[in-house]
């Protein structure tokens, strides 16, 4: 008859293992640890750690309040609007958004420099320029789509 093999697991000293890993850590890890300690130090000084500690302690209360407000019709509509806005933002080309931001900044500066409101003739000249027509075309497309969505 076969004899059972005696098996004794070797006890693992987790502290010694952690000490060994820390001693053998490359310089990059040490720099990362020091940077993490700096972040923790600043978070403590600014009260962010106290805020997080309070939020963790009050997690049940916070979750209950979020659930309460999320179940209201306004909360449901807000969440749906937030998701729709996120969808719209993902469909925008960042380069176009950057150009739009620059154009808005430029137009704001130009508007501040105007001493008097432009005449109707000046406005018509702006609107009939190639860039003006391109912008008006885009706005009318948006306006048509908006009107179409109001029918349903």
Protein backbone atom coordinates (compact mmCIF):
# COMPACT_ATOMS: atom_id res chain seq x y z
CA UNK A 1 0.00 0.00 0.00
CA UNK A 2 1.20 3.53 -0.80
CA UNK A 3 2.46 5.77 1.93
CA UNK A 4 1.23 9.39 2.01
CA UNK A 5 3.85 12.02 1.36
CA UNK A 6 4.29 14.41 4.24
CA UNK A 7 3.86 18.00 3.08
CA UNK A 8 4.71 20.93 5.25
CA UNK A 9 4.27 24.34 3.61
CA UNK A 10 7.12 26.73 4.17
CA UNK A 11 5.93 29.66 6.27
CA UNK A 12 6.09 32.95 4.40
CA UNK A 13 7.30 36.06 6.14
CA UNK A 14 5.43 38.80 4.28
CA UNK A 15 7.31 41.63 6.01
CA UNK A 16 10.67 40.15 5.03
CA UNK A 17 9.41 39.71 1.46
CA UNK A 18 8.30 43.34 1.31
CA UNK A 19 11.61 44.50 2.77
CA UNK A 20 13.50 42.45 0.17
CA UNK A 21 11.39 43.87 -2.68
CA UNK A 22 11.90 47.41 -1.40
CA UNK A 23 15.67 46.94 -1.16
CA UNK A 24 15.80 45.56 -4.70
CA UNK A 25 13.52 48.21 -6.20
CA UNK A 26 15.14 50.15 -9.04
CA UNK A 27 15.86 53.83 -8.75
CA UNK A 28 12.76 54.67 -10.85
CA UNK A 29 10.50 53.01 -8.30
CA UNK A 30 12.15 54.93 -5.49
CA UNK A 31 11.60 58.19 -7.39
CA UNK A 32 7.97 57.24 -7.97
CA UNK A 33 7.51 56.45 -4.28
CA UNK A 34 9.02 59.80 -3.31
CA UNK A 35 6.74 61.58 -5.78
CA UNK A 36 3.74 59.71 -4.35
CA UNK A 37 4.79 60.75 -0.84
CA UNK A 38 5.00 64.38 -2.02
CA UNK A 39 1.48 64.12 -3.45
CA UNK A 40 0.20 62.65 -0.20
CA UNK A 41 1.97 65.39 1.79
CA UNK A 42 0.35 68.15 -0.33
CA UNK A 43 -3.05 66.43 -0.17
CA UNK A 44 -2.75 66.31 3.62
CA UNK A 45 -1.65 69.95 3.87
CA UNK A 46 -4.53 71.11 1.64
CA UNK A 47 -7.11 69.05 3.55
CA UNK A 48 -7.89 66.72 0.64
CA UNK A 49 -7.07 63.64 2.72
CA UNK A 50 -9.45 64.83 5.44
CA UNK A 51 -12.13 65.33 2.79
CA UNK A 52 -11.55 61.84 1.39
CA UNK A 53 -11.58 60.39 4.89
CA UNK A 54 -14.90 62.08 5.59
CA UNK A 55 -16.35 60.90 2.28
CA UNK A 56 -15.29 57.32 2.97
CA UNK A 57 -16.80 57.53 6.44
CA UNK A 58 -20.05 58.92 5.06
CA UNK A 59 -20.21 56.65 2.00
CA UNK A 60 -23.60 55.22 2.99
CA UNK A 61 -25.11 58.67 3.47
CA UNK A 62 -23.61 59.97 0.23
CA UNK A 63 -24.79 56.91 -1.72
CA UNK A 64 -28.29 57.26 -0.25
CA UNK A 65 -28.47 60.95 -1.24
CA UNK A 66 -27.18 60.27 -4.76
CA UNK A 67 -29.70 57.46 -5.18
CA UNK A 68 -32.49 59.69 -3.83
CA UNK A 69 -31.75 62.50 -6.27
CA UNK A 70 -31.04 60.15 -9.18
CA UNK A 71 -34.49 58.58 -8.80
CA UNK A 72 -36.29 61.94 -9.12
CA UNK A 73 -37.53 62.92 -12.59
CA UNK A 74 -35.09 65.85 -12.62
CA UNK A 75 -32.24 63.52 -11.71
CA UNK A 76 -33.15 61.07 -14.46
CA UNK A 77 -33.40 63.90 -16.99
CA UNK A 78 -30.07 65.31 -15.78
CA UNK A 79 -28.31 61.97 -16.16
CA UNK A 80 -29.80 61.49 -19.63
CA UNK A 81 -28.73 65.02 -20.63
CA UNK A 82 -25.23 64.41 -19.27
CA UNK A 83 -24.91 61.19 -21.29
CA UNK A 84 -26.21 62.93 -24.42
CA UNK A 85 -23.78 65.82 -23.90
CA UNK A 86 -20.94 63.32 -23.52
CA UNK A 87 -22.03 61.65 -26.77
CA UNK A 88 -22.05 65.01 -28.54
CA UNK A 89 -18.59 65.84 -27.21
CA UNK A 90 -17.17 62.54 -28.46
CA UNK A 91 -18.45 63.29 -31.96
CA UNK A 92 -16.71 66.68 -32.16
CA UNK A 93 -13.35 66.85 -33.85
CA UNK A 94 -10.84 68.32 -31.37
CA UNK A 95 -9.10 70.22 -34.16
CA UNK A 96 -12.37 71.90 -35.19
CA UNK A 97 -13.09 72.73 -31.54
CA UNK A 98 -9.63 74.26 -31.21
CA UNK A 99 -10.17 76.38 -34.33
CA UNK A 100 -13.62 77.43 -33.04
CA UNK A 101 -12.04 78.46 -29.73
CA UNK A 102 -9.43 80.57 -31.53
CA UNK A 103 -12.09 82.13 -33.77
CA UNK A 104 -14.24 83.01 -30.77
CA UNK A 105 -11.25 84.58 -29.03
CA UNK A 106 -10.37 86.57 -32.14
CA UNK A 107 -13.98 87.71 -32.63
CA UNK A 108 -14.22 88.75 -28.99
CA UNK A 109 -11.07 90.86 -29.29
CA UNK A 110 -12.29 92.41 -32.54
CA UNK A 111 -15.69 93.15 -30.98
CA UNK A 112 -14.00 94.89 -28.03
CA UNK A 113 -12.05 97.11 -30.43
CA UNK A 114 -15.21 98.28 -32.22
CA UNK A 115 -16.12 101.78 -31.09
CA UNK A 116 -19.59 101.74 -32.66
CA UNK A 117 -21.87 98.91 -33.79
CA UNK A 118 -21.16 97.96 -37.41
CA UNK A 119 -23.51 99.26 -40.07
CA UNK A 120 -25.91 96.90 -41.83
CA UNK A 121 -23.69 97.19 -44.89
CA UNK A 122 -20.63 96.03 -42.91
CA UNK A 123 -22.62 93.14 -41.45
CA UNK A 124 -23.84 92.18 -44.93
CA UNK A 125 -20.24 92.25 -46.23
CA UNK A 126 -19.16 89.93 -43.41
CA UNK A 127 -22.09 87.59 -44.06
CA UNK A 128 -21.44 87.39 -47.80
CA UNK A 129 -17.73 86.66 -47.49
CA UNK A 130 -16.67 83.06 -48.19
CA UNK A 131 -16.03 82.35 -44.50
CA UNK A 132 -19.27 84.08 -43.52
CA UNK A 133 -21.27 81.95 -45.96
CA UNK A 134 -19.54 78.80 -44.70
CA UNK A 135 -20.47 79.70 -41.10
CA UNK A 136 -24.05 80.59 -42.02
CA UNK A 137 -24.37 77.31 -43.93
CA UNK A 138 -23.26 75.36 -40.86
CA UNK A 139 -25.62 77.29 -38.59
CA UNK A 140 -28.58 76.76 -40.94
CA UNK A 141 -27.82 73.02 -41.01
CA UNK A 142 -27.83 72.99 -37.21
CA UNK A 143 -31.02 75.05 -37.14
CA UNK A 144 -32.73 72.69 -39.61
CA UNK A 145 -31.75 69.67 -37.54
CA UNK A 146 -33.00 71.38 -34.40
CA UNK A 147 -36.31 72.19 -36.05
CA UNK A 148 -36.61 68.61 -37.31
CA UNK A 149 -36.09 67.29 -33.77
CA UNK A 150 -38.90 69.54 -32.49
CA UNK A 151 -41.44 67.89 -34.84
CA UNK A 152 -41.20 64.52 -33.09
